[in-house]
Amino acid sequence: MSQPPPRHIVAVAGLVAHPTNGTVLLLRSPRRDWEFPGGQVEEGESLIEALHREIREETGVSVSVSSLVGVYSNTRSKIVMFGFLCEWTGGEPTTSPESLEVEWVSRDEARRRVTRPPLRDRLRDMLDFTGQVVYRSYAFSALDETGATEYVVQEERFV
């Protein structure tokens, strides 16, 4: 008996840098606190088209995309995320239903604000990017005694 094909969610995220002062754009999400913009790729969209759309929808700004930083696979929720570096090209940061706040912050402040483990690791990859693309496979384990899930990296390598 044949099984149905696997289903995956494809997503993109971008760290937007200001070209003149070195700050980066973060948003405060209603669900995940501080993070960089991103979301699911819609049917028929390229990764870059989706990235432009998500950044514009969540923050109101336009960007140019400069580098692919990482490919991240959440094996439990079947999400494959592509992380990019972007440069701000125009528009004023504005909030949306997906962003309670949108702010330019220093790189050090970004490291302080982004605290969720998978997002924190992706931010580190983006801020410390050397030109090598990282591949990271991870999952969240079952609830621990406090009710929180544990982030477990299963594989990590440069490709």
N, C-alpha and C. Protein backbone atom coordinates (compact mmCIF):
# COMPACT_ATOMS: atom_id res chain seq x y z
N MET A 1 0.85 -1.18 0.00
CA MET A 1 0.00 0.00 0.00
C MET A 1 0.89 1.24 0.00
N SER A 2 0.64 2.15 -0.91
CA SER A 2 1.49 3.34 -0.99
C SER A 2 1.03 4.38 0.03
N GLN A 3 2.00 5.10 0.52
CA GLN A 3 1.72 6.16 1.49
C GLN A 3 1.61 7.49 0.75
N PRO A 4 0.85 8.42 1.30
CA PRO A 4 0.79 9.74 0.67
C PRO A 4 2.16 10.41 0.75
N PRO A 5 2.44 11.32 -0.17
CA PRO A 5 3.74 12.00 -0.12
C PRO A 5 3.86 12.82 1.17
N PRO A 6 5.10 13.00 1.65
CA PRO A 6 5.27 13.80 2.87
C PRO A 6 4.85 15.25 2.64
N ARG A 7 4.40 15.88 3.70
CA ARG A 7 4.01 17.28 3.63
C ARG A 7 4.97 18.09 4.50
N HIS A 8 5.49 19.14 3.92
CA HIS A 8 6.38 20.04 4.63
C HIS A 8 5.89 21.47 4.46
N ILE A 9 6.19 22.28 5.43
CA ILE A 9 5.94 23.71 5.34
C ILE A 9 7.28 24.36 4.99
N VAL A 10 7.28 25.18 3.97
CA VAL A 10 8.48 25.91 3.57
C VAL A 10 8.32 27.35 4.06
N ALA A 11 9.35 27.85 4.73
CA ALA A 11 9.28 29.19 5.30
C ALA A 11 10.58 29.94 5.03
N VAL A 12 10.52 31.25 5.16
CA VAL A 12 11.68 32.11 4.97
C VAL A 12 11.75 33.11 6.13
N ALA A 13 12.94 33.60 6.40
CA ALA A 13 13.12 34.67 7.38
C ALA A 13 14.31 35.50 6.94
N GLY A 14 14.28 36.78 7.28
CA GLY A 14 15.38 37.65 6.89
C GLY A 14 15.77 38.61 7.99
N LEU A 15 17.06 38.72 8.21
CA LEU A 15 17.57 39.74 9.11
C LEU A 15 17.88 40.97 8.27
N VAL A 16 17.15 42.05 8.53
CA VAL A 16 17.27 43.28 7.75
C VAL A 16 18.27 44.21 8.44
N ALA A 17 19.33 44.56 7.72
CA ALA A 17 20.34 45.47 8.25
C ALA A 17 20.15 46.86 7.63
N HIS A 18 20.37 47.88 8.45
CA HIS A 18 20.35 49.26 7.95
C HIS A 18 21.71 49.53 7.31
N PRO A 19 21.75 50.05 6.08
CA PRO A 19 23.03 50.17 5.37
C PRO A 19 23.99 51.22 5.92
N THR A 20 23.49 52.17 6.70
CA THR A 20 24.40 53.24 7.14
C THR A 20 24.80 53.16 8.60
N ASN A 21 23.96 52.59 9.46
CA ASN A 21 24.31 52.62 10.88
C ASN A 21 24.51 51.25 11.52
N GLY A 22 24.36 50.17 10.75
CA GLY A 22 24.64 48.84 11.27
C GLY A 22 23.58 48.23 12.16
N THR A 23 22.47 48.94 12.37
CA THR A 23 21.40 48.36 13.18
C THR A 23 20.64 47.31 12.38
N VAL A 24 19.87 46.49 13.09
CA VAL A 24 19.05 45.47 12.45
C VAL A 24 17.60 45.65 12.88
N LEU A 25 16.69 45.18 12.05
CA LEU A 25 15.26 45.36 12.29
C LEU A 25 14.67 44.14 12.97
N LEU A 26 14.07 44.35 14.13
CA LEU A 26 13.37 43.29 14.84
C LEU A 26 11.91 43.67 14.99
N LEU A 27 11.09 42.64 15.16
CA LEU A 27 9.68 42.88 15.46
C LEU A 27 9.31 42.06 16.68
N ARG A 28 8.33 42.55 17.40
CA ARG A 28 7.81 41.79 18.54
C ARG A 28 6.50 41.16 18.10
N SER A 29 6.53 39.85 18.03
CA SER A 29 5.40 39.06 17.57
C SER A 29 4.42 38.81 18.71
N PRO A 30 3.13 38.74 18.42
CA PRO A 30 2.17 38.41 19.48
C PRO A 30 2.38 37.01 20.06
N ARG A 31 3.02 36.12 19.29
CA ARG A 31 3.18 34.73 19.74
C ARG A 31 4.59 34.37 20.20
N ARG A 32 5.60 35.03 19.65
CA ARG A 32 6.97 34.56 19.90
C ARG A 32 7.90 35.64 20.44
N ASP A 33 7.39 36.74 20.91
CA ASP A 33 8.19 37.84 21.41
C ASP A 33 9.08 38.41 20.31
N TRP A 34 10.32 38.80 20.58
CA TRP A 34 11.17 39.46 19.59
C TRP A 34 11.76 38.46 18.62
N GLU A 35 11.73 38.84 17.34
CA GLU A 35 12.26 37.99 16.28
C GLU A 35 12.52 38.85 15.04
N PHE A 36 13.02 38.24 14.00
CA PHE A 36 13.19 38.92 12.72
C PHE A 36 12.04 38.49 11.82
N PRO A 37 11.71 39.28 10.80
CA PRO A 37 10.53 38.98 9.98
C PRO A 37 10.69 37.71 9.15
N GLY A 38 9.55 37.08 8.89
CA GLY A 38 9.53 35.88 8.05
C GLY A 38 8.20 35.17 8.16
N GLY A 39 8.06 34.13 7.36
CA GLY A 39 6.83 33.35 7.38
C GLY A 39 6.80 32.33 6.26
N GLN A 40 5.63 31.76 6.06
CA GLN A 40 5.47 30.68 5.10
C GLN A 40 5.51 31.16 3.65
N VAL A 41 6.08 30.31 2.81
CA VAL A 41 6.08 30.54 1.37
C VAL A 41 4.73 30.07 0.85
N GLU A 42 4.05 30.94 0.11
CA GLU A 42 2.75 30.58 -0.44
C GLU A 42 2.92 29.82 -1.75
N GLU A 43 1.92 29.04 -2.09
CA GLU A 43 1.96 28.25 -3.32
C GLU A 43 2.22 29.16 -4.52
N GLY A 44 3.17 28.77 -5.37
CA GLY A 44 3.50 29.53 -6.56
C GLY A 44 4.51 30.64 -6.35
N GLU A 45 4.94 30.86 -5.11
CA GLU A 45 5.89 31.92 -4.77
C GLU A 45 7.30 31.36 -4.72
N SER A 46 8.28 32.15 -5.14
CA SER A 46 9.68 31.76 -4.93
C SER A 46 10.06 32.13 -3.50
N LEU A 47 11.19 31.61 -3.04
CA LEU A 47 11.66 31.95 -1.70
C LEU A 47 11.88 33.46 -1.56
N ILE A 48 12.49 34.05 -2.57
CA ILE A 48 12.80 35.49 -2.51
C ILE A 48 11.52 36.32 -2.56
N GLU A 49 10.56 35.93 -3.40
CA GLU A 49 9.27 36.65 -3.44
C GLU A 49 8.59 36.58 -2.07
N ALA A 50 8.60 35.40 -1.47
CA ALA A 50 7.98 35.24 -0.15
C ALA A 50 8.68 36.08 0.90
N LEU A 51 10.00 36.12 0.83
CA LEU A 51 10.77 36.92 1.79
C LEU A 51 10.42 38.40 1.67
N HIS A 52 10.39 38.92 0.46
CA HIS A 52 10.01 40.33 0.25
C HIS A 52 8.60 40.58 0.79
N ARG A 53 7.66 39.70 0.49
CA ARG A 53 6.28 39.87 0.93
C ARG A 53 6.19 39.85 2.45
N GLU A 54 6.80 38.85 3.08
CA GLU A 54 6.71 38.73 4.54
C GLU A 54 7.32 39.94 5.25
N ILE A 55 8.48 40.38 4.78
CA ILE A 55 9.12 41.54 5.41
C ILE A 55 8.26 42.78 5.24
N ARG A 56 7.71 42.99 4.06
CA ARG A 56 6.84 44.15 3.81
C ARG A 56 5.57 44.07 4.67
N GLU A 57 4.93 42.88 4.72
CA GLU A 57 3.70 42.72 5.50
C GLU A 57 3.93 42.95 6.99
N GLU A 58 5.03 42.43 7.51
CA GLU A 58 5.26 42.47 8.96
C GLU A 58 5.90 43.76 9.45
N THR A 59 6.66 44.45 8.57
CA THR A 59 7.42 45.62 9.04
C THR A 59 7.20 46.88 8.23
N GLY A 60 6.65 46.77 7.01
CA GLY A 60 6.44 47.93 6.17
C GLY A 60 7.64 48.37 5.36
N VAL A 61 8.77 47.67 5.45
CA VAL A 61 9.97 48.11 4.74
C VAL A 61 10.23 47.25 3.51
N SER A 62 11.03 47.80 2.60
CA SER A 62 11.50 47.10 1.41
C SER A 62 12.97 46.76 1.60
N VAL A 63 13.41 45.66 0.98
CA VAL A 63 14.78 45.20 1.16
C VAL A 63 15.37 44.69 -0.14
N SER A 64 16.69 44.59 -0.15
CA SER A 64 17.37 43.78 -1.15
C SER A 64 17.92 42.57 -0.39
N VAL A 65 17.90 41.43 -1.04
CA VAL A 65 18.36 40.19 -0.41
C VAL A 65 19.81 39.96 -0.82
N SER A 66 20.68 39.75 0.18
CA SER A 66 22.10 39.63 -0.15
C SER A 66 22.65 38.22 -0.06
N SER A 67 22.28 37.44 0.95
CA SER A 67 22.91 36.13 1.13
C SER A 67 21.96 35.13 1.78
N LEU A 68 22.07 33.88 1.35
CA LEU A 68 21.45 32.78 2.07
C LEU A 68 22.40 32.42 3.20
N VAL A 69 21.91 32.41 4.43
CA VAL A 69 22.74 32.13 5.60
C VAL A 69 22.58 30.70 6.06
N GLY A 70 21.33 30.19 6.06
CA GLY A 70 21.12 28.87 6.61
C GLY A 70 19.85 28.22 6.12
N VAL A 71 19.86 26.90 6.25
CA VAL A 71 18.69 26.07 5.99
C VAL A 71 18.43 25.32 7.29
N TYR A 72 17.22 25.46 7.82
CA TYR A 72 16.88 24.94 9.14
C TYR A 72 15.69 24.01 9.03
N SER A 73 15.83 22.81 9.53
CA SER A 73 14.79 21.80 9.40
C SER A 73 14.27 21.42 10.78
N ASN A 74 13.01 21.75 11.04
CA ASN A 74 12.35 21.34 12.27
C ASN A 74 11.65 20.02 11.97
N THR A 75 12.25 18.93 12.40
CA THR A 75 11.74 17.61 12.02
C THR A 75 10.42 17.27 12.70
N ARG A 76 10.14 17.86 13.82
CA ARG A 76 8.88 17.54 14.50
C ARG A 76 7.69 18.21 13.83
N SER A 77 7.83 19.49 13.49
CA SER A 77 6.71 20.19 12.87
C SER A 77 6.80 20.21 11.35
N LYS A 78 7.85 19.59 10.81
CA LYS A 78 8.02 19.47 9.35
C LYS A 78 8.13 20.83 8.66
N ILE A 79 8.82 21.75 9.31
CA ILE A 79 9.06 23.07 8.72
C ILE A 79 10.50 23.13 8.23
N VAL A 80 10.68 23.58 7.00
CA VAL A 80 12.01 23.86 6.48
C VAL A 80 12.09 25.36 6.28
N MET A 81 13.04 26.00 6.97
CA MET A 81 13.18 27.45 6.97
C MET A 81 14.49 27.83 6.28
N PHE A 82 14.41 28.83 5.41
CA PHE A 82 15.59 29.39 4.75
C PHE A 82 15.84 30.77 5.35
N GLY A 83 17.02 30.98 5.91
CA GLY A 83 17.36 32.25 6.54
C GLY A 83 18.26 33.08 5.64
N PHE A 84 17.94 34.36 5.48
CA PHE A 84 18.66 35.26 4.58
C PHE A 84 19.12 36.52 5.29
N LEU A 85 20.17 37.12 4.76
CA LEU A 85 20.56 38.48 5.13
C LEU A 85 19.97 39.43 4.11
N CYS A 86 19.45 40.55 4.59
CA CYS A 86 18.83 41.55 3.72
C CYS A 86 19.35 42.92 4.10
N GLU A 87 19.20 43.85 3.16
CA GLU A 87 19.55 45.24 3.44
C GLU A 87 18.33 46.12 3.17
N TRP A 88 18.06 47.01 4.10
CA TRP A 88 16.93 47.94 3.98
C TRP A 88 17.15 48.84 2.77
N THR A 89 16.09 49.00 1.96
CA THR A 89 16.17 49.89 0.80
C THR A 89 15.14 51.01 0.85
N GLY A 90 14.16 50.91 1.74
CA GLY A 90 13.17 51.97 1.83
C GLY A 90 12.00 51.60 2.71
N GLY A 91 11.18 52.60 2.98
CA GLY A 91 10.00 52.40 3.81
C GLY A 91 10.29 52.66 5.27
N GLU A 92 9.26 53.06 5.97
CA GLU A 92 9.38 53.31 7.40
C GLU A 92 8.84 52.10 8.16
N PRO A 93 9.56 51.64 9.18
CA PRO A 93 9.05 50.52 9.97
C PRO A 93 7.69 50.84 10.58
N THR A 94 6.74 49.94 10.34
CA THR A 94 5.39 50.09 10.89
C THR A 94 4.91 48.75 11.40
N THR A 95 4.02 48.79 12.36
CA THR A 95 3.46 47.56 12.91
C THR A 95 2.36 47.03 12.00
N SER A 96 1.97 45.80 12.28
CA SER A 96 0.91 45.12 11.54
C SER A 96 0.22 44.17 12.50
N PRO A 97 -0.81 43.44 12.05
CA PRO A 97 -1.41 42.44 12.94
C PRO A 97 -0.40 41.36 13.37
N GLU A 98 0.70 41.22 12.63
CA GLU A 98 1.72 40.22 12.96
C GLU A 98 2.88 40.81 13.76
N SER A 99 2.85 42.11 14.03
CA SER A 99 3.96 42.74 14.75
C SER A 99 3.43 43.82 15.69
N LEU A 100 3.64 43.61 16.98
CA LEU A 100 3.20 44.58 17.97
C LEU A 100 4.11 45.79 18.02
N GLU A 101 5.41 45.56 17.77
CA GLU A 101 6.41 46.63 17.70
C GLU A 101 7.39 46.27 16.60
N VAL A 102 7.96 47.28 15.96
CA VAL A 102 9.02 47.11 14.97
C VAL A 102 10.08 48.14 15.30
N GLU A 103 11.33 47.69 15.47
CA GLU A 103 12.38 48.59 15.94
C GLU A 103 13.72 48.29 15.30
N TRP A 104 14.47 49.35 14.99
CA TRP A 104 15.89 49.22 14.65
C TRP A 104 16.65 49.11 15.96
N VAL A 105 17.48 48.08 16.09
CA VAL A 105 18.26 47.90 17.33
C VAL A 105 19.70 47.56 16.97
N SER A 106 20.59 47.77 17.91
CA SER A 106 21.99 47.39 17.71
C SER A 106 22.08 45.87 17.63
N ARG A 107 23.17 45.39 17.10
CA ARG A 107 23.38 43.94 17.02
C ARG A 107 23.42 43.32 18.42
N ASP A 108 24.06 44.00 19.36
CA ASP A 108 24.10 43.48 20.74
C ASP A 108 22.71 43.44 21.35
N GLU A 109 21.92 44.49 21.10
CA GLU A 109 20.55 44.50 21.62
C GLU A 109 19.71 43.40 20.99
N ALA A 110 19.92 43.13 19.71
CA ALA A 110 19.21 42.03 19.04
C ALA A 110 19.53 40.71 19.73
N ARG A 111 20.79 40.49 20.06
CA ARG A 111 21.18 39.25 20.76
C ARG A 111 20.49 39.15 22.12
N ARG A 112 20.29 40.28 22.79
CA ARG A 112 19.61 40.26 24.09
C ARG A 112 18.11 39.98 23.95
N ARG A 113 17.50 40.56 22.93
CA ARG A 113 16.04 40.46 22.80
C ARG A 113 15.55 39.13 22.24
N VAL A 114 16.27 38.55 21.31
CA VAL A 114 15.81 37.30 20.69
C VAL A 114 16.25 36.15 21.59
N THR A 115 15.29 35.55 22.29
CA THR A 115 15.63 34.56 23.32
C THR A 115 15.15 33.14 23.04
N ARG A 116 14.19 32.96 22.16
CA ARG A 116 13.73 31.59 21.86
C ARG A 116 14.88 30.83 21.20
N PRO A 117 15.23 29.65 21.70
CA PRO A 117 16.45 28.96 21.24
C PRO A 117 16.62 28.82 19.73
N PRO A 118 15.64 28.34 18.96
CA PRO A 118 15.91 28.22 17.52
C PRO A 118 16.10 29.58 16.85
N LEU A 119 15.34 30.58 17.28
CA LEU A 119 15.47 31.92 16.72
C LEU A 119 16.80 32.55 17.13
N ARG A 120 17.18 32.33 18.38
CA ARG A 120 18.46 32.85 18.88
C ARG A 120 19.63 32.27 18.08
N ASP A 121 19.57 30.96 17.79
CA ASP A 121 20.64 30.33 17.01
C ASP A 121 20.67 30.85 15.58
N ARG A 122 19.50 31.05 14.98
CA ARG A 122 19.46 31.61 13.62
C ARG A 122 19.99 33.04 13.60
N LEU A 123 19.62 33.82 14.61
CA LEU A 123 20.13 35.19 14.70
C LEU A 123 21.65 35.18 14.79
N ARG A 124 22.19 34.31 15.63
CA ARG A 124 23.65 34.20 15.74
C ARG A 124 24.27 33.87 14.39
N ASP A 125 23.67 32.91 13.66
CA ASP A 125 24.17 32.56 12.33
C ASP A 125 24.19 33.78 11.42
N MET A 126 23.14 34.58 11.49
CA MET A 126 23.02 35.75 10.61
C MET A 126 24.01 36.85 11.00
N LEU A 127 24.12 37.12 12.29
CA LEU A 127 25.01 38.18 12.75
C LEU A 127 26.48 37.82 12.56
N ASP A 128 26.80 36.54 12.66
CA ASP A 128 28.19 36.08 12.57
C ASP A 128 28.51 35.44 11.22
N PHE A 129 27.69 35.70 10.21
CA PHE A 129 27.83 35.03 8.90
C PHE A 129 29.20 35.29 8.29
N THR A 130 29.86 34.20 7.87
CA THR A 130 31.19 34.29 7.26
C THR A 130 31.19 33.92 5.78
N GLY A 131 30.02 33.59 5.25
CA GLY A 131 29.93 33.18 3.85
C GLY A 131 29.63 31.71 3.69
N GLN A 132 29.73 30.95 4.78
CA GLN A 132 29.39 29.53 4.73
C GLN A 132 27.95 29.33 5.20
N VAL A 133 27.17 28.64 4.39
CA VAL A 133 25.77 28.37 4.72
C VAL A 133 25.71 27.23 5.73
N VAL A 134 24.91 27.42 6.77
CA VAL A 134 24.75 26.38 7.79
C VAL A 134 23.48 25.59 7.51
N TYR A 135 23.54 24.28 7.78
CA TYR A 135 22.35 23.43 7.78
C TYR A 135 22.19 22.93 9.21
N ARG A 136 20.99 23.12 9.78
CA ARG A 136 20.73 22.66 11.14
C ARG A 136 19.38 21.95 11.16
N SER A 137 19.40 20.74 11.68
CA SER A 137 18.18 19.95 11.87
C SER A 137 17.91 19.90 13.37
N TYR A 138 16.67 20.16 13.75
CA TYR A 138 16.35 20.19 15.17
C TYR A 138 14.91 19.75 15.39
N ALA A 139 14.59 19.53 16.64
CA ALA A 139 13.22 19.20 17.03
C ALA A 139 13.01 19.72 18.45
N PHE A 140 11.77 19.77 18.82
CA PHE A 140 11.42 20.08 20.20
C PHE A 140 11.00 18.78 20.84
N SER A 141 11.61 18.46 21.96
CA SER A 141 11.25 17.22 22.66
C SER A 141 9.97 17.45 23.45
N ALA A 142 9.53 16.41 24.10
CA ALA A 142 8.30 16.47 24.89
C ALA A 142 8.44 17.50 26.02
N LEU A 143 7.33 17.83 26.60
CA LEU A 143 7.32 18.80 27.70
C LEU A 143 8.21 18.33 28.84
N ASP A 144 8.93 19.27 29.44
CA ASP A 144 9.72 18.94 30.63
C ASP A 144 8.87 19.22 31.87
N GLU A 145 9.49 19.14 33.04
CA GLU A 145 8.74 19.27 34.29
C GLU A 145 8.13 20.66 34.48
N THR A 146 8.63 21.66 33.78
CA THR A 146 8.06 23.01 33.90
C THR A 146 6.97 23.26 32.88
N GLY A 147 6.77 22.31 31.96
CA GLY A 147 5.77 22.48 30.92
C GLY A 147 6.34 23.04 29.64
N ALA A 148 7.65 23.30 29.62
CA ALA A 148 8.29 23.84 28.42
C ALA A 148 8.85 22.71 27.57
N THR A 149 8.93 22.98 26.28
CA THR A 149 9.56 22.01 25.40
C THR A 149 11.06 22.28 25.34
N GLU A 150 11.83 21.26 25.04
CA GLU A 150 13.27 21.40 24.94
C GLU A 150 13.68 21.37 23.48
N TYR A 151 14.52 22.30 23.10
CA TYR A 151 15.06 22.43 21.75
C TYR A 151 16.28 21.54 21.64
N VAL A 152 16.25 20.58 20.71
CA VAL A 152 17.35 19.63 20.57
C VAL A 152 17.88 19.68 19.14
N VAL A 153 19.16 20.05 19.00
CA VAL A 153 19.80 20.05 17.68
C VAL A 153 20.20 18.62 17.36
N GLN A 154 19.73 18.13 16.21
CA GLN A 154 20.02 16.77 15.79
C GLN A 154 21.24 16.69 14.88
N GLU A 155 21.42 17.72 14.06
CA GLU A 155 22.54 17.74 13.12
C GLU A 155 22.85 19.19 12.79
N GLU A 156 24.14 19.48 12.66
CA GLU A 156 24.55 20.82 12.27
C GLU A 156 25.83 20.70 11.46
N ARG A 157 25.85 21.37 10.32
CA ARG A 157 27.05 21.36 9.48
C ARG A 157 27.02 22.54 8.53
N PHE A 158 28.19 22.88 8.03
CA PHE A 158 28.28 23.90 6.99
C PHE A 158 28.24 23.20 5.65
N VAL A 159 27.49 23.78 4.72
CA VAL A 159 27.36 23.17 3.38
C VAL A 159 27.78 24.16 2.32
